[in-house]
Amino acid sequence: MKDIIKLALRNLKEHKSKTIIISMFILFGVAIVVMGNSFLESVNRGLENDFRANVTGDLAISVIPEKGTTIDLFGVNSTNITTEVPQIPALTDIDKIEKILAETDGIKKQSKLISAQVILSKDAEIDFSVLQDDDKDLGIMDLPISMLFAGESGSYWELFPDLKMIEGHYPTPGSNEIIVDTRVIEGFYKAWDKTLEVGDDVLLASMGGVIREGKVVGIFKPANEYSAMFQSVYCEPGLARSFAELTYANSFSQELPDSVDLSISEMSEDDFFGGDDFFDDFEEDTSILGSTSDFDSILGDTSLRDELNKTDDGAWQFIVAKLNNPHADKKLVAQLNKRFKDEGVNALAMDWKKAAYSYSASVDGIGFIFNLLIIILAIVVFIIIMNTMVVSVIERTSEIGTMRAIGAEKKFVKKLFYSEAIILTTLSSIAGVIFAFICMMIFNSFNITITNTIAKMILGGGLLHFSPTPKIIIITIVIALIGSIISNRYPVKSALRITPIKALSKE
């Protein structure tokens, strides 16, 4: 084998032009793959660390979503066509869920959570015409639209303690006080030309038409300044339940038994109230309208309706938790879901990635596109290498024939060609890794950041960075070696088909 390696090195040296061409393709191919995967690693690692530490915890629990929908901490993603804004339902079996969690080993801390989306304004009416103002040049993402979060008093801030308060204090329990992200303040000024400071009263409105007044008592920065997480506002649960539509009526409708007749909900207005012909027999007689007092009592006793429209003080949408061993999240999620199913509990446990699906899905999409491009690049490179090797074999026909004529077996020739391929690929791959590291170190030294909200959501954060790992390097080199061997199969077969007589006749 030692002699074959010496001969392979001599052959690579003698055929410099071919060696340089192939090595350059391998070098740049390996460098691109290493840099690309290092960037994706940085994106995924940054997103995971940020959301685990500050938003989703290691796992989250919600109700089981309806068919065609997914639920994460940021809303309901639906493939169903509807004119209504889907709302995240409340957990219906929360006592059973907490009992199961208490009996499950590995859970370090937990809390309950409500989330919704709101827009902030100081005026009674929100003027969306600012989006058409050419002077302002605003997009929808520039408005002070925010995620609204409310956690269980005490336990939530123990679970996520890294929020950076720069002014004011946390909301007082039972109040309408809010704390706002610095990015919300910037959007507020851009959109409404008004400042937002501690002590100001603001209006919070949802897409569902709910409007409430809040008082700004604190301003904070995200725990991770480069976070992909959308700008947010924190408040007390009572206020958040209004925007999440967690009323007694909604809680009651979620628990209706199957025996209840809901056929009336399928009737049209004409079916229910009758057609226009119903009124044809009445003459114009104003007395039929009755007195003013009749209008006041036309709906009868509305006390039940008023009670049902009150927010359900015990309603929560999520339970979020951190684990003793964060890397055991998938195992624990599977364990919890099995127990929920066995005990008939309407609950679904999710790891951080599914709990942040609105963000992780975009990053996974970028990863899929990149890997697809890498596969196309690899195929092109392997085809070029194979064609170059075929030409090399044709040029070395006499050399191969001479070796066969003096007694070299086919096995020897095969080992020689594969040794050349492995040596060339290994050295070129190492050079490619070194080149990639130099490029990544230079790029990382600039600490390049982006501020565009959409770009941050797509790229998993605002800091553009490369994070190479030994796993990425080893896998890339191994794939390069396998690809090189595969691309050499046809040239080697061509070389073995050359007979000594045919080779020497071409000399």
Protein backbone atom coordinates (compact mmCIF):
# COMPACT_ATOMS: atom_id res chain seq x y z
CA MET A 1 0.00 0.00 0.00
CA LYS A 2 2.94 2.29 0.73
CA ASP A 3 4.19 1.90 -2.83
CA ILE A 4 0.73 2.67 -4.24
CA ILE A 5 0.56 5.91 -2.21
CA LYS A 6 4.02 6.96 -3.46
CA LEU A 7 3.02 6.22 -7.02
CA ALA A 8 -0.30 8.09 -6.57
CA LEU A 9 1.52 11.18 -5.25
CA ARG A 10 3.97 11.04 -8.17
CA ASN A 11 1.11 10.79 -10.65
CA LEU A 12 -0.69 13.78 -9.09
CA LYS A 13 2.51 15.79 -9.30
CA GLU A 14 3.15 14.82 -12.94
CA HIS A 15 -0.40 15.80 -14.00
CA LYS A 16 -0.36 19.23 -12.36
CA SER A 17 -2.97 20.90 -14.53
CA LYS A 18 -5.61 18.23 -13.90
CA THR A 19 -4.73 18.08 -10.22
CA ILE A 20 -5.07 21.85 -9.80
CA ILE A 21 -8.40 22.00 -11.67
CA ILE A 22 -9.98 19.21 -9.61
CA SER A 23 -8.54 20.46 -6.31
CA MET A 24 -9.93 23.97 -6.92
CA PHE A 25 -13.43 22.61 -7.51
CA ILE A 26 -13.23 20.52 -4.34
CA LEU A 27 -11.68 23.35 -2.30
CA PHE A 28 -14.33 25.92 -3.17
CA GLY A 29 -17.14 23.37 -2.96
CA VAL A 30 -16.10 22.32 0.55
CA ALA A 31 -15.63 25.95 1.61
CA ILE A 32 -19.13 26.90 0.43
CA VAL A 33 -20.71 23.92 2.19
CA VAL A 34 -18.84 24.57 5.46
CA MET A 35 -19.67 28.28 5.43
CA GLY A 36 -23.30 27.72 4.51
CA ASN A 37 -23.89 25.09 7.18
CA SER A 38 -22.00 27.18 9.74
CA PHE A 39 -24.32 30.09 9.02
CA LEU A 40 -27.41 27.87 9.36
CA GLU A 41 -25.97 26.46 12.59
CA SER A 42 -25.56 29.99 13.92
CA VAL A 43 -29.15 30.86 12.95
CA ASN A 44 -30.64 27.71 14.50
CA ARG A 45 -28.52 27.88 17.64
CA GLY A 46 -29.26 31.57 18.16
CA LEU A 47 -32.99 31.07 17.62
CA GLU A 48 -33.11 28.07 19.95
CA ASN A 49 -31.12 29.71 22.76
CA ASP A 50 -33.18 32.90 22.55
CA PHE A 51 -36.61 31.25 22.53
CA ARG A 52 -35.77 28.62 25.14
CA ALA A 53 -34.43 31.26 27.51
CA ASN A 54 -36.98 34.03 26.98
CA VAL A 55 -40.18 32.93 25.24
CA THR A 56 -41.15 29.26 24.91
CA GLY A 57 -39.08 27.56 27.60
CA ASP A 58 -38.04 23.98 26.82
CA LEU A 59 -41.61 22.82 26.22
CA ALA A 60 -45.10 24.27 25.94
CA ILE A 61 -48.57 22.78 26.27
CA SER A 62 -51.69 23.90 24.41
CA VAL A 63 -55.01 22.34 23.46
CA ILE A 64 -55.01 19.90 20.54
CA PRO A 65 -55.46 22.05 17.40
CA GLU A 66 -58.34 21.50 15.02
CA LYS A 67 -57.76 19.74 11.71
CA GLY A 68 -55.97 22.01 9.24
CA THR A 69 -54.50 24.24 11.95
CA THR A 70 -51.41 24.47 14.11
CA ILE A 71 -51.06 26.38 17.36
CA ASP A 72 -47.94 28.07 18.66
CA LEU A 73 -47.33 30.85 21.18
CA PHE A 74 -47.88 33.47 18.50
CA GLY A 75 -51.26 32.45 17.15
CA VAL A 76 -53.19 29.91 15.10
CA ASN A 77 -51.79 29.00 11.69
CA SER A 78 -54.66 27.74 9.56
CA THR A 79 -55.03 26.31 6.06
CA ASN A 80 -58.81 26.64 6.38
CA ILE A 81 -60.42 29.55 4.52
CA THR A 82 -62.29 31.78 6.97
CA THR A 83 -63.22 35.44 7.34
CA GLU A 84 -62.63 35.39 11.11
CA VAL A 85 -59.32 35.83 12.90
CA PRO A 86 -58.71 32.45 14.59
CA GLN A 87 -58.11 32.70 18.33
CA ILE A 88 -55.99 30.42 20.48
CA PRO A 89 -58.38 28.36 22.64
CA ALA A 90 -58.05 28.09 26.38
CA LEU A 91 -56.77 24.92 28.05
CA THR A 92 -59.90 23.03 29.12
CA ASP A 93 -58.26 20.38 31.33
CA ILE A 94 -55.76 22.61 33.09
CA ASP A 95 -56.13 20.96 36.52
CA LYS A 96 -55.47 17.50 35.04
CA ILE A 97 -52.51 18.85 33.06
CA GLU A 98 -50.92 20.40 36.15
CA LYS A 99 -51.46 17.15 38.06
CA ILE A 100 -49.70 15.18 35.30
CA LEU A 101 -46.83 17.68 35.21
CA ALA A 102 -46.44 17.44 38.99
CA GLU A 103 -46.08 13.66 38.63
CA THR A 104 -43.56 13.93 35.77
CA ASP A 105 -39.85 13.85 36.56
CA GLY A 106 -37.50 16.31 34.87
CA ILE A 107 -39.57 19.50 34.98
CA LYS A 108 -37.65 22.29 36.70
CA LYS A 109 -40.09 25.24 36.59
CA GLN A 110 -43.39 26.01 34.93
CA SER A 111 -45.87 28.85 34.46
CA LYS A 112 -49.06 29.69 32.59
CA LEU A 113 -49.30 32.07 29.65
CA ILE A 114 -51.77 34.07 27.56
CA SER A 115 -50.83 35.62 24.21
CA ALA A 116 -52.57 37.89 21.71
CA GLN A 117 -51.78 40.55 19.14
CA VAL A 118 -52.51 44.25 19.63
CA ILE A 119 -51.78 47.64 18.11
CA LEU A 120 -51.13 50.69 20.30
CA SER A 121 -52.54 54.19 19.76
CA LYS A 122 -53.32 57.33 21.73
CA ASP A 123 -56.38 58.15 19.62
CA ALA A 124 -59.80 56.56 19.81
CA GLU A 125 -59.57 55.63 16.10
CA ILE A 126 -56.51 54.04 14.52
CA ASP A 127 -55.59 55.81 11.28
CA PHE A 128 -54.19 53.25 8.85
CA SER A 129 -53.98 55.87 6.12
CA VAL A 130 -50.42 56.56 7.31
CA LEU A 131 -49.42 53.48 5.32
CA GLN A 132 -50.28 55.41 2.13
CA ASP A 133 -48.32 58.48 3.16
CA ASP A 134 -45.36 58.70 0.76
CA ASP A 135 -43.49 61.02 3.09
CA LYS A 136 -43.53 58.51 5.94
CA ASP A 137 -42.79 55.48 3.72
CA LEU A 138 -44.18 53.04 6.28
CA GLY A 139 -44.91 49.35 5.92
CA ILE A 140 -47.30 47.29 8.03
CA MET A 141 -44.37 46.03 10.10
CA ASP A 142 -43.44 49.63 11.02
CA LEU A 143 -46.69 50.14 12.94
CA PRO A 144 -46.71 49.62 16.73
CA ILE A 145 -48.25 46.17 16.31
CA SER A 146 -47.08 43.90 19.11
CA MET A 147 -47.38 40.51 20.68
CA LEU A 148 -49.18 40.84 24.00
CA PHE A 149 -48.04 38.39 26.68
CA ALA A 150 -49.34 37.85 30.19
CA GLY A 151 -47.88 35.23 32.48
CA GLU A 152 -48.96 33.85 35.81
CA SER A 153 -48.02 36.29 38.57
CA GLY A 154 -44.67 35.44 40.13
CA SER A 155 -43.88 32.17 38.40
CA TYR A 156 -43.62 33.66 34.89
CA TRP A 157 -40.86 36.12 35.73
CA GLU A 158 -39.04 33.41 37.67
CA LEU A 159 -39.15 31.29 34.51
CA PHE A 160 -37.98 34.15 32.24
CA PRO A 161 -35.94 36.53 34.43
CA ASP A 162 -33.65 38.06 31.78
CA LEU A 163 -35.86 40.91 30.53
CA LYS A 164 -33.87 44.18 30.65
CA MET A 165 -36.02 46.85 32.34
CA ILE A 166 -34.54 50.26 31.53
CA GLU A 167 -37.27 52.40 33.13
CA GLY A 168 -40.29 51.91 35.40
CA HIS A 169 -41.57 48.72 36.99
CA TYR A 170 -43.49 45.53 36.22
CA PRO A 171 -47.31 45.70 36.00
CA THR A 172 -49.18 45.64 39.30
CA PRO A 173 -51.35 42.50 39.75
CA GLY A 174 -54.97 43.10 38.76
CA SER A 175 -54.26 46.39 36.96
CA ASN A 176 -54.37 47.56 33.34
CA GLU A 177 -50.68 48.49 33.47
CA ILE A 178 -48.33 47.46 30.66
CA ILE A 179 -44.61 47.44 29.95
CA VAL A 180 -43.50 48.03 26.37
CA ASP A 181 -40.57 47.07 24.15
CA THR A 182 -38.28 49.90 23.02
CA ARG A 183 -39.09 48.83 19.44
CA VAL A 184 -42.77 49.53 20.12
CA ILE A 185 -41.88 53.07 21.17
CA GLU A 186 -39.94 53.58 17.93
CA GLY A 187 -42.86 52.26 15.85
CA PHE A 188 -45.31 54.39 17.84
CA TYR A 189 -43.39 57.56 17.01
CA LYS A 190 -42.92 56.62 13.35
CA ALA A 191 -46.61 55.88 12.83
CA TRP A 192 -48.38 58.47 14.97
CA ASP A 193 -45.71 61.20 15.37
CA LYS A 194 -46.19 60.95 19.13
CA THR A 195 -43.85 59.88 21.89
CA LEU A 196 -44.67 57.08 24.31
CA GLU A 197 -43.33 57.40 27.83
CA VAL A 198 -43.79 55.89 31.25
CA GLY A 199 -47.01 57.23 32.75
CA ASP A 200 -48.82 57.63 29.41
CA ASP A 201 -52.28 56.21 28.83
CA VAL A 202 -52.69 54.31 25.55
CA LEU A 203 -55.38 52.42 23.71
CA LEU A 204 -54.75 48.78 22.81
CA ALA A 205 -56.83 47.30 19.99
CA SER A 206 -57.04 43.82 18.50
CA MET A 207 -57.99 42.60 15.04
CA GLY A 208 -61.15 41.23 16.61
CA GLY A 209 -62.34 44.73 17.53
CA VAL A 210 -61.53 44.59 21.25
CA ILE A 211 -60.30 47.96 22.60
CA ARG A 212 -58.96 48.56 26.09
CA GLU A 213 -57.10 51.32 27.84
CA GLY A 214 -53.69 50.63 29.32
CA LYS A 215 -51.14 52.62 31.30
CA VAL A 216 -47.44 52.40 30.43
CA VAL A 217 -45.49 51.75 33.64
CA GLY A 218 -42.27 50.34 32.23
CA ILE A 219 -39.97 50.21 29.21
CA PHE A 220 -37.71 47.25 28.49
CA LYS A 221 -35.21 45.89 26.02
CA PRO A 222 -35.39 42.26 24.86
CA ALA A 223 -33.04 39.93 26.73
CA ASN A 224 -31.36 39.28 23.38
CA GLU A 225 -30.87 42.54 21.47
CA TYR A 226 -30.56 40.63 18.19
CA SER A 227 -33.69 38.56 18.80
CA ALA A 228 -35.86 37.47 15.87
CA MET A 229 -38.79 37.73 18.24
CA PHE A 230 -41.39 40.32 17.22
CA GLN A 231 -41.77 43.42 19.41
CA SER A 232 -43.84 42.74 22.49
CA VAL A 233 -45.89 44.17 25.32
CA TYR A 234 -46.41 42.53 28.73
CA CYS A 235 -49.46 43.03 30.93
CA GLU A 236 -51.49 41.35 33.64
CA PRO A 237 -53.63 38.27 32.74
CA GLY A 238 -56.96 40.06 33.23
CA LEU A 239 -56.19 42.57 30.49
CA ALA A 240 -54.75 39.95 28.13
CA ARG A 241 -57.83 37.72 28.45
CA SER A 242 -59.97 40.45 26.86
CA PHE A 243 -57.83 40.42 23.70
CA ALA A 244 -57.51 36.64 23.67
CA GLU A 245 -61.33 36.42 23.98
CA LEU A 246 -61.03 34.17 27.02
CA THR A 247 -64.56 34.87 28.27
CA TYR A 248 -66.89 32.60 30.23
CA ALA A 249 -68.97 32.24 27.05
CA ASN A 250 -66.00 30.90 25.07
CA SER A 251 -64.98 28.60 27.89
CA PHE A 252 -68.53 27.29 28.10
CA SER A 253 -68.76 26.70 24.32
CA GLN A 254 -65.58 24.64 24.39
CA GLU A 255 -67.16 22.26 26.89
CA LEU A 256 -70.60 21.80 25.31
CA PRO A 257 -71.67 18.14 25.36
CA ASP A 258 -72.37 16.32 22.09
CA SER A 259 -76.05 15.98 23.01
CA VAL A 260 -76.70 19.72 22.64
CA ASP A 261 -78.76 20.52 19.50
CA LEU A 262 -76.80 23.08 17.48
CA SER A 263 -78.94 22.85 14.34
CA ILE A 264 -80.25 26.38 14.88
CA SER A 265 -76.74 27.69 14.14
CA GLU A 266 -77.08 26.39 10.58
CA MET A 267 -80.26 28.42 9.85
CA SER A 268 -80.09 31.57 7.74
CA GLU A 269 -81.51 34.89 8.89
CA ASP A 270 -84.54 34.48 6.60
CA ASP A 271 -85.21 31.00 8.00
CA PHE A 272 -84.95 32.23 11.55
CA PHE A 273 -86.79 35.57 11.35
CA GLY A 274 -89.07 34.88 8.38
CA GLY A 275 -89.18 36.49 4.92
CA ASP A 276 -90.34 39.97 3.94
CA ASP A 277 -93.87 38.66 3.21
CA PHE A 278 -94.41 38.42 6.93
CA PHE A 279 -94.80 42.20 7.13
CA ASP A 280 -97.10 42.66 4.08
CA ASP A 281 -100.29 42.33 6.13
CA PHE A 282 -99.43 45.19 8.45
CA GLU A 283 -100.76 48.65 7.64
CA GLU A 284 -98.73 51.71 8.37
CA ASP A 285 -99.56 52.15 12.00
CA THR A 286 -96.90 53.72 14.22
CA SER A 287 -98.65 52.39 17.30
CA ILE A 288 -97.41 48.94 16.49
CA LEU A 289 -93.88 50.04 17.38
CA GLY A 290 -94.86 50.49 20.98
CA SER A 291 -93.39 52.86 23.53
CA THR A 292 -89.75 53.66 24.33
CA SER A 293 -89.92 51.45 27.39
CA ASP A 294 -90.64 48.49 25.11
CA PHE A 295 -87.26 48.95 23.42
CA ASP A 296 -85.45 49.00 26.75
CA SER A 297 -86.90 45.64 27.68
CA ILE A 298 -87.03 43.99 24.25
CA LEU A 299 -84.06 41.77 25.07
CA GLY A 300 -85.43 40.82 28.45
CA ASP A 301 -83.01 40.01 31.28
CA THR A 302 -79.42 40.46 29.95
CA SER A 303 -77.64 39.61 33.19
CA LEU A 304 -76.65 36.14 31.93
CA ARG A 305 -75.24 37.63 28.73
CA ASP A 306 -73.26 40.18 30.74
CA GLU A 307 -71.83 37.43 32.95
CA LEU A 308 -70.86 35.27 29.95
CA ASN A 309 -69.05 38.22 28.34
CA LYS A 310 -66.83 38.68 31.39
CA THR A 311 -63.29 37.35 31.13
CA ASP A 312 -62.72 33.93 32.66
CA ASP A 313 -60.28 34.52 35.50
CA GLY A 314 -59.12 30.91 35.41
CA ALA A 315 -58.53 30.67 31.65
CA TRP A 316 -55.03 30.14 30.24
CA GLN A 317 -53.88 29.25 26.75
CA PHE A 318 -50.50 27.69 27.49
CA ILE A 319 -48.34 26.12 30.12
CA VAL A 320 -44.62 26.71 29.50
CA ALA A 321 -41.85 24.92 31.34
CA LYS A 322 -38.09 24.57 31.66
CA LEU A 323 -36.48 21.19 32.21
CA ASN A 324 -33.64 19.93 34.36
CA ASN A 325 -32.11 18.56 31.16
CA PRO A 326 -33.13 20.72 28.15
CA HIS A 327 -31.77 18.10 25.74
CA ALA A 328 -34.38 15.62 27.00
CA ASP A 329 -37.24 17.75 25.67
CA LYS A 330 -38.25 15.45 22.79
CA LYS A 331 -38.36 12.41 25.06
CA LEU A 332 -40.42 14.25 27.68
CA VAL A 333 -42.80 15.67 25.03
CA ALA A 334 -43.49 12.15 23.72
CA GLN A 335 -44.00 10.89 27.28
CA LEU A 336 -46.47 13.66 28.14
CA ASN A 337 -48.44 13.30 24.91
CA LYS A 338 -48.79 9.57 25.50
CA ARG A 339 -50.16 10.19 28.97
CA PHE A 340 -52.52 12.95 27.76
CA LYS A 341 -53.90 10.55 25.17
CA ASP A 342 -54.23 7.65 27.61
CA GLU A 343 -56.13 9.80 30.12
CA GLY A 344 -58.29 11.56 27.53
CA VAL A 345 -56.87 15.02 28.25
CA ASN A 346 -57.31 17.65 25.52
CA ALA A 347 -53.70 18.81 25.53
CA LEU A 348 -50.65 18.72 23.27
CA ALA A 349 -47.06 19.04 24.49
CA MET A 350 -44.60 20.72 22.10
CA ASP A 351 -40.85 21.27 22.11
CA TRP A 352 -39.53 24.82 21.73
CA LYS A 353 -39.41 24.52 17.94
CA LYS A 354 -43.10 23.69 17.54
CA ALA A 355 -44.02 26.26 20.19
CA ALA A 356 -42.23 28.87 18.02
CA TYR A 357 -43.39 27.42 14.69
CA SER A 358 -44.11 30.87 13.23
CA TYR A 359 -40.38 31.59 13.45
CA SER A 360 -38.70 28.18 13.21
CA ALA A 361 -40.62 27.29 10.04
CA SER A 362 -39.04 30.19 8.11
CA VAL A 363 -35.57 29.15 9.26
CA ASP A 364 -36.26 25.54 8.27
CA GLY A 365 -37.41 26.80 4.87
CA ILE A 366 -34.13 28.69 4.38
CA GLY A 367 -32.23 25.53 5.39
CA PHE A 368 -34.18 23.42 2.90
CA ILE A 369 -33.46 25.83 0.04
CA PHE A 370 -29.76 25.97 0.96
CA ASN A 371 -29.44 22.19 1.13
CA LEU A 372 -31.17 21.88 -2.23
CA LEU A 373 -28.67 24.30 -3.75
CA ILE A 374 -25.80 22.37 -2.17
CA ILE A 375 -27.07 19.12 -3.70
CA ILE A 376 -27.22 20.79 -7.14
CA LEU A 377 -23.72 22.22 -6.63
CA ALA A 378 -22.38 18.81 -5.55
CA ILE A 379 -23.84 17.11 -8.63
CA VAL A 380 -22.26 19.70 -10.93
CA VAL A 381 -18.87 19.41 -9.19
CA PHE A 382 -18.93 15.60 -9.29
CA ILE A 383 -19.82 15.61 -13.00
CA ILE A 384 -16.90 17.98 -13.72
CA ILE A 385 -14.55 15.82 -11.66
CA MET A 386 -15.74 12.67 -13.42
CA ASN A 387 -15.29 14.22 -16.88
CA THR A 388 -11.84 15.50 -15.94
CA MET A 389 -10.85 12.05 -14.70
CA VAL A 390 -12.15 10.44 -17.89
CA VAL A 391 -9.91 12.75 -19.93
CA SER A 392 -7.05 11.97 -17.58
CA VAL A 393 -7.57 8.22 -18.11
CA ILE A 394 -7.54 8.64 -21.89
CA GLU A 395 -4.28 10.62 -21.67
CA ARG A 396 -2.75 7.94 -19.45
CA THR A 397 -3.73 5.02 -21.66
CA SER A 398 -0.14 4.09 -22.48
CA GLU A 399 0.91 4.38 -18.85
CA ILE A 400 -1.88 2.01 -17.79
CA GLY A 401 -1.00 -0.43 -20.59
CA THR A 402 2.64 -0.45 -19.58
CA MET A 403 1.72 -1.22 -15.98
CA ARG A 404 -0.53 -4.05 -17.12
CA ALA A 405 2.19 -5.36 -19.49
CA ILE A 406 4.79 -5.66 -16.72
CA GLY A 407 2.36 -7.59 -14.52
CA ALA A 408 0.17 -5.08 -12.72
CA GLU A 409 -3.21 -6.60 -11.93
CA LYS A 410 -6.56 -4.82 -12.29
CA LYS A 411 -6.76 -4.60 -8.51
CA PHE A 412 -3.48 -2.64 -8.47
CA VAL A 413 -4.71 -0.17 -11.09
CA LYS A 414 -8.01 0.26 -9.21
CA LYS A 415 -6.21 0.95 -5.91
CA LEU A 416 -3.93 3.43 -7.65
CA PHE A 417 -6.77 5.51 -9.09
CA TYR A 418 -8.81 5.45 -5.87
CA SER A 419 -5.70 6.39 -3.85
CA GLU A 420 -5.16 9.39 -6.12
CA ALA A 421 -8.80 10.44 -5.67
CA ILE A 422 -8.74 10.04 -1.88
CA ILE A 423 -5.42 11.88 -1.45
CA LEU A 424 -6.49 14.73 -3.74
CA THR A 425 -9.93 15.05 -2.10
CA THR A 426 -8.56 14.91 1.46
CA LEU A 427 -5.88 17.56 0.87
CA SER A 428 -8.27 19.78 -1.11
CA SER A 429 -11.00 19.42 1.55
CA ILE A 430 -8.60 20.38 4.34
CA ALA A 431 -7.51 23.39 2.29
CA GLY A 432 -11.18 24.24 1.72
CA VAL A 433 -11.90 24.07 5.47
CA ILE A 434 -8.94 26.34 6.23
CA PHE A 435 -10.06 28.81 3.54
CA ALA A 436 -13.62 28.76 4.94
CA PHE A 437 -12.34 29.41 8.49
CA ILE A 438 -10.31 32.39 7.32
CA CYS A 439 -13.33 33.86 5.50
CA MET A 440 -15.65 33.23 8.50
CA MET A 441 -13.21 34.79 10.98
CA ILE A 442 -12.91 37.91 8.85
CA PHE A 443 -16.71 38.15 8.43
CA ASN A 444 -17.42 37.56 12.15
CA SER A 445 -14.95 40.28 13.12
CA PHE A 446 -17.20 42.91 11.50
CA ASN A 447 -20.22 41.97 13.71
CA ILE A 448 -22.66 42.75 10.89
CA THR A 449 -26.25 43.24 12.06
CA ILE A 450 -29.60 43.82 10.38
CA THR A 451 -32.54 45.80 11.75
CA ASN A 452 -35.32 44.94 9.28
CA THR A 453 -38.02 43.08 11.21
CA ILE A 454 -38.98 40.69 8.40
CA ALA A 455 -35.34 39.85 7.61
CA LYS A 456 -34.70 39.14 11.29
CA MET A 457 -37.70 36.80 11.42
CA ILE A 458 -36.55 34.93 8.29
CA LEU A 459 -32.90 34.68 9.35
CA GLY A 460 -33.63 33.87 12.98
CA GLY A 461 -32.05 37.03 14.39
CA GLY A 462 -30.33 40.31 13.65
CA LEU A 463 -26.69 39.22 14.05
CA LEU A 464 -25.13 37.67 10.93
CA HIS A 465 -22.58 35.20 12.20
CA PHE A 466 -20.90 31.89 11.35
CA SER A 467 -20.69 29.11 13.96
CA PRO A 468 -18.68 26.15 12.58
CA THR A 469 -18.72 22.89 14.50
CA PRO A 470 -16.57 19.73 14.29
CA LYS A 471 -19.68 17.84 13.13
CA ILE A 472 -20.10 20.14 10.10
CA ILE A 473 -16.42 19.78 9.12
CA ILE A 474 -16.28 15.99 9.51
CA ILE A 475 -19.55 15.39 7.64
CA THR A 476 -18.47 17.71 4.79
CA ILE A 477 -15.11 15.97 4.35
CA VAL A 478 -16.71 12.51 4.51
CA ILE A 479 -19.33 13.47 1.90
CA ALA A 480 -16.58 14.94 -0.31
CA LEU A 481 -14.59 11.68 -0.08
CA ILE A 482 -17.64 9.54 -0.86
CA GLY A 483 -18.56 11.81 -3.76
CA SER A 484 -15.02 11.69 -5.11
CA ILE A 485 -14.95 7.89 -5.00
CA ILE A 486 -18.34 7.66 -6.73
CA SER A 487 -17.30 10.16 -9.43
CA ASN A 488 -14.18 8.05 -10.08
CA ARG A 489 -16.03 4.79 -10.60
CA TYR A 490 -16.62 5.31 -14.32
CA PRO A 491 -13.05 6.49 -15.10
CA VAL A 492 -11.63 3.53 -13.16
CA LYS A 493 -13.85 1.09 -15.07
CA SER A 494 -12.65 2.69 -18.32
CA ALA A 495 -9.05 2.25 -17.23
CA LEU A 496 -9.56 -1.41 -16.40
CA ARG A 497 -11.04 -2.08 -19.85
CA ILE A 498 -7.77 -1.08 -21.52
CA THR A 499 -5.70 -4.15 -22.53
CA PRO A 500 -1.90 -3.99 -22.59
CA ILE A 501 -1.78 -4.65 -26.36
CA LYS A 502 -4.31 -1.87 -27.10
CA ALA A 503 -2.52 0.55 -24.81
CA LEU A 504 0.93 -0.13 -26.28
CA SER A 505 -0.43 0.14 -29.82
CA LYS A 506 -1.46 3.73 -29.05
CA GLU A 507 2.03 4.58 -27.77
